[in-house]
Amino acid sequence: MANDWQELTKLTQGAPILVQRVKVIETGISIESEFDLPPLAQITAEDQVFVMAFIRASGSIKEMEKIFGISYPTVKNRLSRIADQLPLTETAPPQSSNSEILAQLAHGEITAEDAIRKMS
């Protein structure tokens, strides 16, 4: 399957593509709509390999130097270039509205101290 993905990336040569059908292999269910590719799938195959190697190297730039035979600044520059192509993903949980917080308090799901902290 990885080879198929790399072939698709080579065929598109970085041009934007839109997926119109997705099939869940386990259930056989297909969904037809318009789907954007995940951000990592939109970078070049070469950059995808670099990112996978970085993850396999547990984020060690020294290990990346050895794997690719390149200098520390080159690894850093390449990672920065790839990072610039990827959107920043929001990781903070959404803020609860005061009415939601009060409902949680009324149902005994949180303490008064928790409610005060969440509303601050």
PDB file of N, CA and C in Angstrom:
ATOM      1  N   MET A   1       0.820  -1.185   0.000  1.00  0.00           N
ATOM      2  CA  MET A   1       0.000   0.000   0.000  1.00  0.00           C
ATOM      3  C   MET A   1       0.874   1.263   0.000  1.00  0.00           C
ATOM      4  N   ALA A   2       2.013   1.249   0.729  1.00  0.00           N
ATOM      5  CA  ALA A   2       2.891   2.423   0.774  1.00  0.00           C
ATOM      6  C   ALA A   2       3.427   2.740  -0.613  1.00  0.00           C
ATOM      7  N   ASN A   3       3.744   1.691  -1.394  1.00  0.00           N
ATOM      8  CA  ASN A   3       4.242   1.929  -2.740  1.00  0.00           C
ATOM      9  C   ASN A   3       3.191   2.607  -3.596  1.00  0.00           C
ATOM     10  N   ASP A   4       1.918   2.238  -3.428  1.00  0.00           N
ATOM     11  CA  ASP A   4       0.839   2.859  -4.179  1.00  0.00           C
ATOM     12  C   ASP A   4       0.757   4.348  -3.859  1.00  0.00           C
ATOM     13  N   TRP A   5       0.894   4.671  -2.568  1.00  0.00           N
ATOM     14  CA  TRP A   5       0.825   6.072  -2.158  1.00  0.00           C
ATOM     15  C   TRP A   5       1.980   6.869  -2.738  1.00  0.00           C
ATOM     16  N   GLN A   6       3.150   6.285  -2.741  1.00  0.00           N
ATOM     17  CA  GLN A   6       4.304   6.977  -3.305  1.00  0.00           C
ATOM     18  C   GLN A   6       4.115   7.180  -4.810  1.00  0.00           C
ATOM     19  N   GLU A   7       3.528   6.207  -5.489  1.00  0.00           N
ATOM     20  CA  GLU A   7       3.266   6.349  -6.924  1.00  0.00           C
ATOM     21  C   GLU A   7       2.279   7.476  -7.186  1.00  0.00           C
ATOM     22  N   LEU A   8       1.237   7.560  -6.368  1.00  0.00           N
ATOM     23  CA  LEU A   8       0.259   8.637  -6.510  1.00  0.00           C
ATOM     24  C   LEU A   8       0.929   9.988  -6.319  1.00  0.00           C
ATOM     25  N   THR A   9       1.796  10.080  -5.323  1.00  0.00           N
ATOM     26  CA  THR A   9       2.500  11.334  -5.063  1.00  0.00           C
ATOM     27  C   THR A   9       3.383  11.708  -6.244  1.00  0.00           C
ATOM     28  N   LYS A  10       4.044  10.714  -6.843  1.00  0.00           N
ATOM     29  CA  LYS A  10       4.888  10.983  -8.014  1.00  0.00           C
ATOM     30  C   LYS A  10       4.050  11.423  -9.208  1.00  0.00           C
ATOM     31  N   LEU A  11       2.919  10.757  -9.419  1.00  0.00           N
ATOM     32  CA  LEU A  11       2.050  11.090 -10.557  1.00  0.00           C
ATOM     33  C   LEU A  11       1.508  12.509 -10.472  1.00  0.00           C
ATOM     34  N   THR A  12       1.134  12.936  -9.291  1.00  0.00           N
ATOM     35  CA  THR A  12       0.540  14.267  -9.133  1.00  0.00           C
ATOM     36  C   THR A  12       1.583  15.377  -9.123  1.00  0.00           C
ATOM     37  N   GLN A  13       2.847  15.033  -8.877  1.00  0.00           N
ATOM     38  CA  GLN A  13       3.966  15.973  -8.877  1.00  0.00           C
ATOM     39  C   GLN A  13       3.671  17.218  -8.052  1.00  0.00           C
ATOM     40  N   GLY A  14       3.036  17.027  -6.920  1.00  0.00           N
ATOM     41  CA  GLY A  14       2.774  18.139  -6.017  1.00  0.00           C
ATOM     42  C   GLY A  14       1.539  18.960  -6.358  1.00  0.00           C
ATOM     43  N   ALA A  15       0.869  18.637  -7.465  1.00  0.00           N
ATOM     44  CA  ALA A  15      -0.348  19.369  -7.816  1.00  0.00           C
ATOM     45  C   ALA A  15      -1.448  19.001  -6.828  1.00  0.00           C
ATOM     46  N   PRO A  16      -2.301  19.961  -6.475  1.00  0.00           N
ATOM     47  CA  PRO A  16      -3.386  19.641  -5.542  1.00  0.00           C
ATOM     48  C   PRO A  16      -4.331  18.604  -6.158  1.00  0.00           C
ATOM     49  N   ILE A  17      -4.757  17.648  -5.343  1.00  0.00           N
ATOM     50  CA  ILE A  17      -5.720  16.665  -5.808  1.00  0.00           C
ATOM     51  C   ILE A  17      -6.860  16.587  -4.802  1.00  0.00           C
ATOM     52  N   LEU A  18      -7.986  16.075  -5.264  1.00  0.00           N
ATOM     53  CA  LEU A  18      -9.167  15.943  -4.441  1.00  0.00           C
ATOM     54  C   LEU A  18      -9.613  14.493  -4.497  1.00  0.00           C
ATOM     55  N   VAL A  19      -9.786  13.874  -3.345  1.00  0.00           N
ATOM     56  CA  VAL A  19     -10.243  12.497  -3.272  1.00  0.00           C
ATOM     57  C   VAL A  19     -11.773  12.524  -3.294  1.00  0.00           C
ATOM     58  N   GLN A  20     -12.370  11.687  -4.135  1.00  0.00           N
ATOM     59  CA  GLN A  20     -13.827  11.706  -4.247  1.00  0.00           C
ATOM     60  C   GLN A  20     -14.493  10.459  -3.676  1.00  0.00           C
ATOM     61  N   ARG A  21     -13.729   9.435  -3.393  1.00  0.00           N
ATOM     62  CA  ARG A  21     -14.314   8.212  -2.855  1.00  0.00           C
ATOM     63  C   ARG A  21     -13.362   7.590  -1.855  1.00  0.00           C
ATOM     64  N   VAL A  22     -13.902   7.197  -0.722  1.00  0.00           N
ATOM     65  CA  VAL A  22     -13.120   6.540   0.321  1.00  0.00           C
ATOM     66  C   VAL A  22     -13.831   5.244   0.665  1.00  0.00           C
ATOM     67  N   LYS A  23     -13.063   4.162   0.790  1.00  0.00           N
ATOM     68  CA  LYS A  23     -13.641   2.864   1.137  1.00  0.00           C
ATOM     69  C   LYS A  23     -13.005   2.350   2.413  1.00  0.00           C
ATOM     70  N   VAL A  24     -13.844   1.953   3.375  1.00  0.00           N
ATOM     71  CA  VAL A  24     -13.365   1.335   4.608  1.00  0.00           C
ATOM     72  C   VAL A  24     -13.196  -0.146   4.282  1.00  0.00           C
ATOM     73  N   ILE A  25     -11.969  -0.603   4.244  1.00  0.00           N
ATOM     74  CA  ILE A  25     -11.669  -1.965   3.802  1.00  0.00           C
ATOM     75  C   ILE A  25     -12.364  -3.000   4.670  1.00  0.00           C
ATOM     76  N   GLU A  26     -12.310  -2.818   5.972  1.00  0.00           N
ATOM     77  CA  GLU A  26     -12.864  -3.807   6.903  1.00  0.00           C
ATOM     78  C   GLU A  26     -14.364  -4.036   6.701  1.00  0.00           C
ATOM     79  N   THR A  27     -15.108  -2.963   6.440  1.00  0.00           N
ATOM     80  CA  THR A  27     -16.567  -3.086   6.309  1.00  0.00           C
ATOM     81  C   THR A  27     -17.042  -3.090   4.869  1.00  0.00           C
ATOM     82  N   GLY A  28     -16.195  -2.637   3.956  1.00  0.00           N
ATOM     83  CA  GLY A  28     -16.588  -2.545   2.562  1.00  0.00           C
ATOM     84  C   GLY A  28     -17.452  -1.319   2.271  1.00  0.00           C
ATOM     85  N   ILE A  29     -17.652  -0.478   3.258  1.00  0.00           N
ATOM     86  CA  ILE A  29     -18.477   0.717   3.080  1.00  0.00           C
ATOM     87  C   ILE A  29     -17.671   1.771   2.316  1.00  0.00           C
ATOM     88  N   SER A  30     -18.316   2.342   1.295  1.00  0.00           N
ATOM     89  CA  SER A  30     -17.696   3.414   0.526  1.00  0.00           C
ATOM     90  C   SER A  30     -18.442   4.715   0.785  1.00  0.00           C
ATOM     91  N   ILE A  31     -17.689   5.796   0.845  1.00  0.00           N
ATOM     92  CA  ILE A  31     -18.251   7.121   1.040  1.00  0.00           C
ATOM     93  C   ILE A  31     -17.803   7.967  -0.141  1.00  0.00           C
ATOM     94  N   GLU A  32     -18.777   8.582  -0.811  1.00  0.00           N
ATOM     95  CA  GLU A  32     -18.453   9.453  -1.923  1.00  0.00           C
ATOM     96  C   GLU A  32     -18.751  10.888  -1.538  1.00  0.00           C
ATOM     97  N   SER A  33     -17.767  11.736  -1.686  1.00  0.00           N
ATOM     98  CA  SER A  33     -17.863  13.159  -1.390  1.00  0.00           C
ATOM     99  C   SER A  33     -16.583  13.779  -1.922  1.00  0.00           C
ATOM    100  N   GLU A  34     -16.230  14.940  -1.427  1.00  0.00           N
ATOM    101  CA  GLU A  34     -14.954  15.543  -1.796  1.00  0.00           C
ATOM    102  C   GLU A  34     -14.121  15.701  -0.536  1.00  0.00           C
ATOM    103  N   PHE A  35     -12.953  15.063  -0.535  1.00  0.00           N
ATOM    104  CA  PHE A  35     -12.074  15.063   0.626  1.00  0.00           C
ATOM    105  C   PHE A  35     -10.724  15.638   0.248  1.00  0.00           C
ATOM    106  N   ASP A  36     -10.227  16.541   1.083  1.00  0.00           N
ATOM    107  CA  ASP A  36      -8.847  16.998   0.921  1.00  0.00           C
ATOM    108  C   ASP A  36      -7.942  15.931   1.515  1.00  0.00           C
ATOM    109  N   LEU A  37      -6.767  15.816   0.956  1.00  0.00           N
ATOM    110  CA  LEU A  37      -5.781  14.901   1.529  1.00  0.00           C
ATOM    111  C   LEU A  37      -5.287  15.468   2.847  1.00  0.00           C
ATOM    112  N   PRO A  38      -4.888  14.600   3.778  1.00  0.00           N
ATOM    113  CA  PRO A  38      -4.267  15.099   5.006  1.00  0.00           C
ATOM    114  C   PRO A  38      -3.004  15.883   4.650  1.00  0.00           C
ATOM    115  N   PRO A  39      -2.638  16.874   5.460  1.00  0.00           N
ATOM    116  CA  PRO A  39      -1.476  17.715   5.146  1.00  0.00           C
ATOM    117  C   PRO A  39      -0.195  16.930   4.848  1.00  0.00           C
ATOM    118  N   LEU A  40       0.089  15.889   5.608  1.00  0.00           N
ATOM    119  CA  LEU A  40       1.322  15.127   5.356  1.00  0.00           C
ATOM    120  C   LEU A  40       1.296  14.427   4.002  1.00  0.00           C
ATOM    121  N   ALA A  41       0.113  14.095   3.524  1.00  0.00           N
ATOM    122  CA  ALA A  41      -0.002  13.437   2.223  1.00  0.00           C
ATOM    123  C   ALA A  41       0.148  14.435   1.075  1.00  0.00           C
ATOM    124  N   GLN A  42       0.125  15.713   1.387  1.00  0.00           N
ATOM    125  CA  GLN A  42       0.224  16.739   0.350  1.00  0.00           C
ATOM    126  C   GLN A  42       1.659  17.181   0.081  1.00  0.00           C
ATOM    127  N   ILE A  43       2.598  16.746   0.921  1.00  0.00           N
ATOM    128  CA  ILE A  43       4.001  17.098   0.665  1.00  0.00           C
ATOM    129  C   ILE A  43       4.601  16.068  -0.287  1.00  0.00           C
ATOM    130  N   THR A  44       5.757  16.367  -0.851  1.00  0.00           N
ATOM    131  CA  THR A  44       6.371  15.461  -1.826  1.00  0.00           C
ATOM    132  C   THR A  44       6.718  14.111  -1.194  1.00  0.00           C
ATOM    133  N   ALA A  45       6.839  13.089  -2.023  1.00  0.00           N
ATOM    134  CA  ALA A  45       7.204  11.758  -1.533  1.00  0.00           C
ATOM    135  C   ALA A  45       8.555  11.804  -0.825  1.00  0.00           C
ATOM    136  N   GLU A  46       9.469  12.589  -1.357  1.00  0.00           N
ATOM    137  CA  GLU A  46      10.796  12.718  -0.748  1.00  0.00           C
ATOM    138  C   GLU A  46      10.698  13.310   0.662  1.00  0.00           C
ATOM    139  N   ASP A  47       9.847  14.334   0.821  1.00  0.00           N
ATOM    140  CA  ASP A  47       9.659  14.936   2.137  1.00  0.00           C
ATOM    141  C   ASP A  47       8.913  13.994   3.080  1.00  0.00           C
ATOM    142  N   GLN A  48       8.002  13.190   2.545  1.00  0.00           N
ATOM    143  CA  GLN A  48       7.304  12.200   3.371  1.00  0.00           C
ATOM    144  C   GLN A  48       8.298  11.192   3.935  1.00  0.00           C
ATOM    145  N   VAL A  49       9.230  10.745   3.116  1.00  0.00           N
ATOM    146  CA  VAL A  49      10.261   9.809   3.563  1.00  0.00           C
ATOM    147  C   VAL A  49      11.116  10.462   4.643  1.00  0.00           C
ATOM    148  N   PHE A  50      11.447  11.731   4.460  1.00  0.00           N
ATOM    149  CA  PHE A  50      12.271  12.461   5.437  1.00  0.00           C
ATOM    150  C   PHE A  50      11.537  12.546   6.774  1.00  0.00           C
ATOM    151  N   VAL A  51      10.244  12.875   6.743  1.00  0.00           N
ATOM    152  CA  VAL A  51       9.449  12.969   7.970  1.00  0.00           C
ATOM    153  C   VAL A  51       9.359  11.604   8.645  1.00  0.00           C
ATOM    154  N   MET A  52       9.127  10.546   7.871  1.00  0.00           N
ATOM    155  CA  MET A  52       9.053   9.201   8.455  1.00  0.00           C
ATOM    156  C   MET A  52      10.380   8.811   9.095  1.00  0.00           C
ATOM    157  N   ALA A  53      11.476   9.143   8.440  1.00  0.00           N
ATOM    158  CA  ALA A  53      12.796   8.834   9.003  1.00  0.00           C
ATOM    159  C   ALA A  53      13.016   9.615  10.293  1.00  0.00           C
ATOM    160  N   PHE A  54      12.581  10.865  10.326  1.00  0.00           N
ATOM    161  CA  PHE A  54      12.729  11.692  11.525  1.00  0.00           C
ATOM    162  C   PHE A  54      11.945  11.091  12.690  1.00  0.00           C
ATOM    163  N   ILE A  55      10.763  10.615  12.410  1.00  0.00           N
ATOM    164  CA  ILE A  55       9.953   9.976  13.452  1.00  0.00           C
ATOM    165  C   ILE A  55      10.613   8.676  13.907  1.00  0.00           C
ATOM    166  N   ARG A  56      11.072   7.875  12.946  1.00  0.00           N
ATOM    167  CA  ARG A  56      11.761   6.619  13.304  1.00  0.00           C
ATOM    168  C   ARG A  56      13.030   6.886  14.109  1.00  0.00           C
ATOM    169  N   ALA A  57      13.648   8.039  13.880  1.00  0.00           N
ATOM    170  CA  ALA A  57      14.866   8.413  14.615  1.00  0.00           C
ATOM    171  C   ALA A  57      14.519   9.105  15.936  1.00  0.00           C
ATOM    172  N   SER A  58      13.248   9.040  16.318  1.00  0.00           N
ATOM    173  CA  SER A  58      12.768   9.660  17.562  1.00  0.00           C
ATOM    174  C   SER A  58      13.119  11.136  17.651  1.00  0.00           C
ATOM    175  N   GLY A  59      13.114  11.799  16.507  1.00  0.00           N
ATOM    176  CA  GLY A  59      13.378  13.234  16.488  1.00  0.00           C
ATOM    177  C   GLY A  59      14.834  13.613  16.683  1.00  0.00           C
ATOM    178  N   SER A  60      15.728  12.655  16.543  1.00  0.00           N
ATOM    179  CA  SER A  60      17.150  12.928  16.741  1.00  0.00           C
ATOM    180  C   SER A  60      17.776  13.493  15.460  1.00  0.00           C
ATOM    181  N   ILE A  61      18.195  14.740  15.548  1.00  0.00           N
ATOM    182  CA  ILE A  61      18.834  15.360  14.392  1.00  0.00           C
ATOM    183  C   ILE A  61      20.184  14.697  14.125  1.00  0.00           C
ATOM    184  N   LYS A  62      20.889  14.306  15.175  1.00  0.00           N
ATOM    185  CA  LYS A  62      22.165  13.596  15.002  1.00  0.00           C
ATOM    186  C   LYS A  62      21.959  12.304  14.209  1.00  0.00           C
ATOM    187  N   GLU A  63      20.875  11.571  14.525  1.00  0.00           N
ATOM    188  CA  GLU A  63      20.576  10.335  13.795  1.00  0.00           C
ATOM    189  C   GLU A  63      20.240  10.641  12.334  1.00  0.00           C
ATOM    190  N   MET A  64      19.531  11.740  12.098  1.00  0.00           N
ATOM    191  CA  MET A  64      19.193  12.131  10.723  1.00  0.00           C
ATOM    192  C   MET A  64      20.456  12.478   9.934  1.00  0.00           C
ATOM    193  N   GLU A  65      21.420  13.094  10.610  1.00  0.00           N
ATOM    194  CA  GLU A  65      22.708  13.387   9.961  1.00  0.00           C
ATOM    195  C   GLU A  65      23.342  12.099   9.449  1.00  0.00           C
ATOM    196  N   LYS A  66      23.309  11.049  10.305  1.00  0.00           N
ATOM    197  CA  LYS A  66      23.906   9.761   9.931  1.00  0.00           C
ATOM    198  C   LYS A  66      23.126   9.099   8.803  1.00  0.00           C
ATOM    199  N   ILE A  67      21.801   9.073   8.924  1.00  0.00           N
ATOM    200  CA  ILE A  67      20.957   8.386   7.935  1.00  0.00           C
ATOM    201  C   ILE A  67      21.125   8.990   6.546  1.00  0.00           C
ATOM    202  N   PHE A  68      21.081  10.325   6.468  1.00  0.00           N
ATOM    203  CA  PHE A  68      21.088  10.983   5.165  1.00  0.00           C
ATOM    204  C   PHE A  68      22.454  11.528   4.756  1.00  0.00           C
ATOM    205  N   GLY A  69      23.435  11.453   5.664  1.00  0.00           N
ATOM    206  CA  GLY A  69      24.772  11.948   5.336  1.00  0.00           C
ATOM    207  C   GLY A  69      24.785  13.445   5.083  1.00  0.00           C
ATOM    208  N   ILE A  70      24.008  14.169   5.881  1.00  0.00           N
ATOM    209  CA  ILE A  70      23.930  15.617   5.721  1.00  0.00           C
ATOM    210  C   ILE A  70      24.255  16.294   7.055  1.00  0.00           C
ATOM    211  N   SER A  71      24.511  17.590   7.006  1.00  0.00           N
ATOM    212  CA  SER A  71      24.913  18.328   8.209  1.00  0.00           C
ATOM    213  C   SER A  71      23.704  18.703   9.064  1.00  0.00           C
ATOM    214  N   TYR A  72      24.012  19.055  10.307  1.00  0.00           N
ATOM    215  CA  TYR A  72      22.990  19.494  11.254  1.00  0.00           C
ATOM    216  C   TYR A  72      22.170  20.658  10.688  1.00  0.00           C
ATOM    217  N   PRO A  73      22.825  21.723  10.162  1.00  0.00           N
ATOM    218  CA  PRO A  73      22.040  22.833   9.613  1.00  0.00           C
ATOM    219  C   PRO A  73      21.149  22.409   8.441  1.00  0.00           C
ATOM    220  N   THR A  74      21.616  21.458   7.640  1.00  0.00           N
ATOM    221  CA  THR A  74      20.808  20.982   6.511  1.00  0.00           C
ATOM    222  C   THR A  74      19.558  20.264   7.003  1.00  0.00           C
ATOM    223  N   VAL A  75      19.716  19.437   8.038  1.00  0.00           N
ATOM    224  CA  VAL A  75      18.556  18.755   8.623  1.00  0.00           C
ATOM    225  C   VAL A  75      17.581  19.787   9.156  1.00  0.00           C
ATOM    226  N   LYS A  76      18.078  20.751   9.933  1.00  0.00           N
ATOM    227  CA  LYS A  76      17.217  21.792  10.511  1.00  0.00           C
ATOM    228  C   LYS A  76      16.501  22.586   9.423  1.00  0.00           C
ATOM    229  N   ASN A  77      17.228  22.970   8.376  1.00  0.00           N
ATOM    230  CA  ASN A  77      16.627  23.743   7.286  1.00  0.00           C
ATOM    231  C   ASN A  77      15.544  22.951   6.563  1.00  0.00           C
ATOM    232  N   ARG A  78      15.814  21.676   6.345  1.00  0.00           N
ATOM    233  CA  ARG A  78      14.826  20.846   5.647  1.00  0.00           C
ATOM    234  C   ARG A  78      13.576  20.657   6.514  1.00  0.00           C
ATOM    235  N   LEU A  79      13.767  20.414   7.798  1.00  0.00           N
ATOM    236  CA  LEU A  79      12.619  20.286   8.697  1.00  0.00           C
ATOM    237  C   LEU A  79      11.813  21.577   8.739  1.00  0.00           C
ATOM    238  N   SER A  80      12.492  22.710   8.758  1.00  0.00           N
ATOM    239  CA  SER A  80      11.808  24.008   8.762  1.00  0.00           C
ATOM    240  C   SER A  80      11.018  24.212   7.475  1.00  0.00           C
ATOM    241  N   ARG A  81      11.611  23.841   6.351  1.00  0.00           N
ATOM    242  CA  ARG A  81      10.933  23.977   5.062  1.00  0.00           C
ATOM    243  C   ARG A  81       9.682  23.109   5.015  1.00  0.00           C
ATOM    244  N   ILE A  82       9.792  21.885   5.519  1.00  0.00           N
ATOM    245  CA  ILE A  82       8.635  20.984   5.552  1.00  0.00           C
ATOM    246  C   ILE A  82       7.582  21.529   6.509  1.00  0.00           C
ATOM    247  N   ALA A  83       8.010  21.983   7.674  1.00  0.00           N
ATOM    248  CA  ALA A  83       7.071  22.523   8.667  1.00  0.00           C
ATOM    249  C   ALA A  83       6.301  23.713   8.109  1.00  0.00           C
ATOM    250  N   ASP A  84       6.954  24.525   7.298  1.00  0.00           N
ATOM    251  CA  ASP A  84       6.284  25.684   6.705  1.00  0.00           C
ATOM    252  C   ASP A  84       5.153  25.277   5.762  1.00  0.00           C
ATOM    253  N   GLN A  85       5.201  24.054   5.251  1.00  0.00           N
ATOM    254  CA  GLN A  85       4.169  23.562   4.337  1.00  0.00           C
ATOM    255  C   GLN A  85       2.961  22.977   5.080  1.00  0.00           C
ATOM    256  N   LEU A  86       3.116  22.747   6.379  1.00  0.00           N
ATOM    257  CA  LEU A  86       2.076  22.086   7.153  1.00  0.00           C
ATOM    258  C   LEU A  86       1.359  23.081   8.059  1.00  0.00           C
ATOM    259  N   PRO A  87       0.022  23.002   8.093  1.00  0.00           N
ATOM    260  CA  PRO A  87      -0.712  23.915   8.970  1.00  0.00           C
ATOM    261  C   PRO A  87      -0.527  23.542  10.430  1.00  0.00           C
ATOM    262  N   LEU A  88      -0.600  24.537  11.290  1.00  0.00           N
ATOM    263  CA  LEU A  88      -0.515  24.304  12.718  1.00  0.00           C
ATOM    264  C   LEU A  88      -1.862  23.765  13.177  1.00  0.00           C
ATOM    265  N   THR A  89      -1.863  22.653  13.882  1.00  0.00           N
ATOM    266  CA  THR A  89      -3.093  22.039  14.354  1.00  0.00           C
ATOM    267  C   THR A  89      -3.392  22.513  15.764  1.00  0.00           C
ATOM    268  N   GLU A  90      -4.623  22.906  15.988  1.00  0.00           N
ATOM    269  CA  GLU A  90      -5.049  23.353  17.313  1.00  0.00           C
ATOM    270  C   GLU A  90      -5.102  22.155  18.246  1.00  0.00           C
ATOM    271  N   THR A  91      -4.392  22.234  19.368  1.00  0.00           N
ATOM    272  CA  THR A  91      -4.360  21.113  20.303  1.00  0.00           C
ATOM    273  C   THR A  91      -5.075  21.417  21.608  1.00  0.00           C
ATOM    274  N   ALA A  92      -5.370  22.693  21.862  1.00  0.00           N
ATOM    275  CA  ALA A  92      -6.047  23.046  23.111  1.00  0.00           C
ATOM    276  C   ALA A  92      -7.515  22.649  23.020  1.00  0.00           C
ATOM    277  N   PRO A  93      -8.067  22.103  24.098  1.00  0.00           N
ATOM    278  CA  PRO A  93      -9.482  21.747  24.059  1.00  0.00           C
ATOM    279  C   PRO A  93     -10.331  22.999  23.912  1.00  0.00           C
ATOM    280  N   PRO A  94     -11.493  22.890  23.254  1.00  0.00           N
ATOM    281  CA  PRO A  94     -12.341  24.061  23.086  1.00  0.00           C
ATOM    282  C   PRO A  94     -12.817  24.584  24.439  1.00  0.00           C
ATOM    283  N   GLN A  95     -12.935  25.886  24.542  1.00  0.00           N
ATOM    284  CA  GLN A  95     -13.384  26.505  25.777  1.00  0.00           C
ATOM    285  C   GLN A  95     -14.877  26.235  25.967  1.00  0.00           C
ATOM    286  N   SER A  96     -15.268  25.902  27.182  1.00  0.00           N
ATOM    287  CA  SER A  96     -16.673  25.689  27.498  1.00  0.00           C
ATOM    288  C   SER A  96     -17.338  27.030  27.741  1.00  0.00           C
ATOM    289  N   SER A  97     -18.594  27.139  27.334  1.00  0.00           N
ATOM    290  CA  SER A  97     -19.339  28.363  27.621  1.00  0.00           C
ATOM    291  C   SER A  97     -19.736  28.332  29.095  1.00  0.00           C
ATOM    292  N   ASN A  98     -20.040  29.504  29.631  1.00  0.00           N
ATOM    293  CA  ASN A  98     -20.433  29.587  31.038  1.00  0.00           C
ATOM    294  C   ASN A  98     -21.664  28.741  31.327  1.00  0.00           C
ATOM    295  N   SER A  99     -22.602  28.688  30.378  1.00  0.00           N
ATOM    296  CA  SER A  99     -23.814  27.890  30.616  1.00  0.00           C
ATOM    297  C   SER A  99     -23.486  26.399  30.691  1.00  0.00           C
ATOM    298  N   GLU A 100     -22.531  25.948  29.876  1.00  0.00           N
ATOM    299  CA  GLU A 100     -22.111  24.545  29.938  1.00  0.00           C
ATOM    300  C   GLU A 100     -21.437  24.248  31.271  1.00  0.00           C
ATOM    301  N   ILE A 101     -20.618  25.178  31.711  1.00  0.00           N
ATOM    302  CA  ILE A 101     -19.911  25.007  32.987  1.00  0.00           C
ATOM    303  C   ILE A 101     -20.911  24.951  34.135  1.00  0.00           C
ATOM    304  N   LEU A 102     -21.903  25.859  34.115  1.00  0.00           N
ATOM    305  CA  LEU A 102     -22.917  25.860  35.167  1.00  0.00           C
ATOM    306  C   LEU A 102     -23.747  24.582  35.141  1.00  0.00           C
ATOM    307  N   ALA A 103     -24.027  24.056  33.963  1.00  0.00           N
ATOM    308  CA  ALA A 103     -24.777  22.793  33.851  1.00  0.00           C
ATOM    309  C   ALA A 103     -23.955  21.646  34.445  1.00  0.00           C
ATOM    310  N   GLN A 104     -22.647  21.632  34.163  1.00  0.00           N
ATOM    311  CA  GLN A 104     -21.779  20.598  34.736  1.00  0.00           C
ATOM    312  C   GLN A 104     -21.773  20.694  36.257  1.00  0.00           C
ATOM    313  N   LEU A 105     -21.726  21.922  36.760  1.00  0.00           N
ATOM    314  CA  LEU A 105     -21.750  22.140  38.208  1.00  0.00           C
ATOM    315  C   LEU A 105     -23.069  21.660  38.801  1.00  0.00           C
ATOM    316  N   ALA A 106     -24.182  21.993  38.145  1.00  0.00           N
ATOM    317  CA  ALA A 106     -25.508  21.605  38.632  1.00  0.00           C
ATOM    318  C   ALA A 106     -25.679  20.091  38.658  1.00  0.00           C
ATOM    319  N   HIS A 107     -25.064  19.394  37.714  1.00  0.00           N
ATOM    320  CA  HIS A 107     -25.156  17.932  37.649  1.00  0.00           C
ATOM    321  C   HIS A 107     -24.112  17.231  38.516  1.00  0.00           C
ATOM    322  N   GLY A 108     -23.304  18.024  39.219  1.00  0.00           N
ATOM    323  CA  GLY A 108     -22.299  17.438  40.093  1.00  0.00           C
ATOM    324  C   GLY A 108     -21.099  16.871  39.359  1.00  0.00           C
ATOM    325  N   GLU A 109     -20.934  17.233  38.095  1.00  0.00           N
ATOM    326  CA  GLU A 109     -19.827  16.715  37.296  1.00  0.00           C
ATOM    327  C   GLU A 109     -18.504  17.414  37.626  1.00  0.00           C
ATOM    328  N   ILE A 110     -18.594  18.653  38.113  1.00  0.00           N
ATOM    329  CA  ILE A 110     -17.403  19.395  38.512  1.00  0.00           C
ATOM    330  C   ILE A 110     -17.680  20.078  39.842  1.00  0.00           C
ATOM    331  N   THR A 111     -16.617  20.482  40.514  1.00  0.00           N
ATOM    332  CA  THR A 111     -16.764  21.188  41.792  1.00  0.00           C
ATOM    333  C   THR A 111     -16.902  22.684  41.527  1.00  0.00           C
ATOM    334  N   ALA A 112     -17.282  23.422  42.571  1.00  0.00           N
ATOM    335  CA  ALA A 112     -17.394  24.867  42.457  1.00  0.00           C
ATOM    336  C   ALA A 112     -16.042  25.476  42.098  1.00  0.00           C
ATOM    337  N   GLU A 113     -14.982  24.937  42.681  1.00  0.00           N
ATOM    338  CA  GLU A 113     -13.629  25.433  42.375  1.00  0.00           C
ATOM    339  C   GLU A 113     -13.291  25.217  40.893  1.00  0.00           C
ATOM    340  N   ASP A 114     -13.676  24.033  40.373  1.00  0.00           N
ATOM    341  CA  ASP A 114     -13.435  23.773  38.949  1.00  0.00           C
ATOM    342  C   ASP A 114     -14.207  24.758  38.079  1.00  0.00           C
ATOM    343  N   ALA A 115     -15.468  25.030  38.469  1.00  0.00           N
ATOM    344  CA  ALA A 115     -16.302  25.947  37.697  1.00  0.00           C
ATOM    345  C   ALA A 115     -15.675  27.339  37.673  1.00  0.00           C
ATOM    346  N   ILE A 116     -15.215  27.797  38.834  1.00  0.00           N
ATOM    347  CA  ILE A 116     -14.587  29.124  38.920  1.00  0.00           C
ATOM    348  C   ILE A 116     -13.340  29.185  38.043  1.00  0.00           C
ATOM    349  N   ARG A 117     -12.514  28.130  38.099  1.00  0.00           N
ATOM    350  CA  ARG A 117     -11.291  28.088  37.295  1.00  0.00           C
ATOM    351  C   ARG A 117     -11.619  28.097  35.810  1.00  0.00           C
ATOM    352  N   LYS A 118     -12.634  27.331  35.389  1.00  0.00           N
ATOM    353  CA  LYS A 118     -12.998  27.265  33.965  1.00  0.00           C
ATOM    354  C   LYS A 118     -13.575  28.578  33.468  1.00  0.00           C
ATOM    355  N   MET A 119     -14.232  29.320  34.353  1.00  0.00           N
ATOM    356  CA  MET A 119     -14.864  30.588  33.938  1.00  0.00           C
ATOM    357  C   MET A 119     -13.888  31.750  33.966  1.00  0.00           C
ATOM    358  N   SER A 120     -12.716  31.541  34.543  1.00  0.00           N
ATOM    359  CA  SER A 120     -11.732  32.634  34.644  1.00  0.00           C
ATOM    360  C   SER A 120     -11.005  32.836  33.346  1.00  0.00           C
TER     361      SER A 120
END
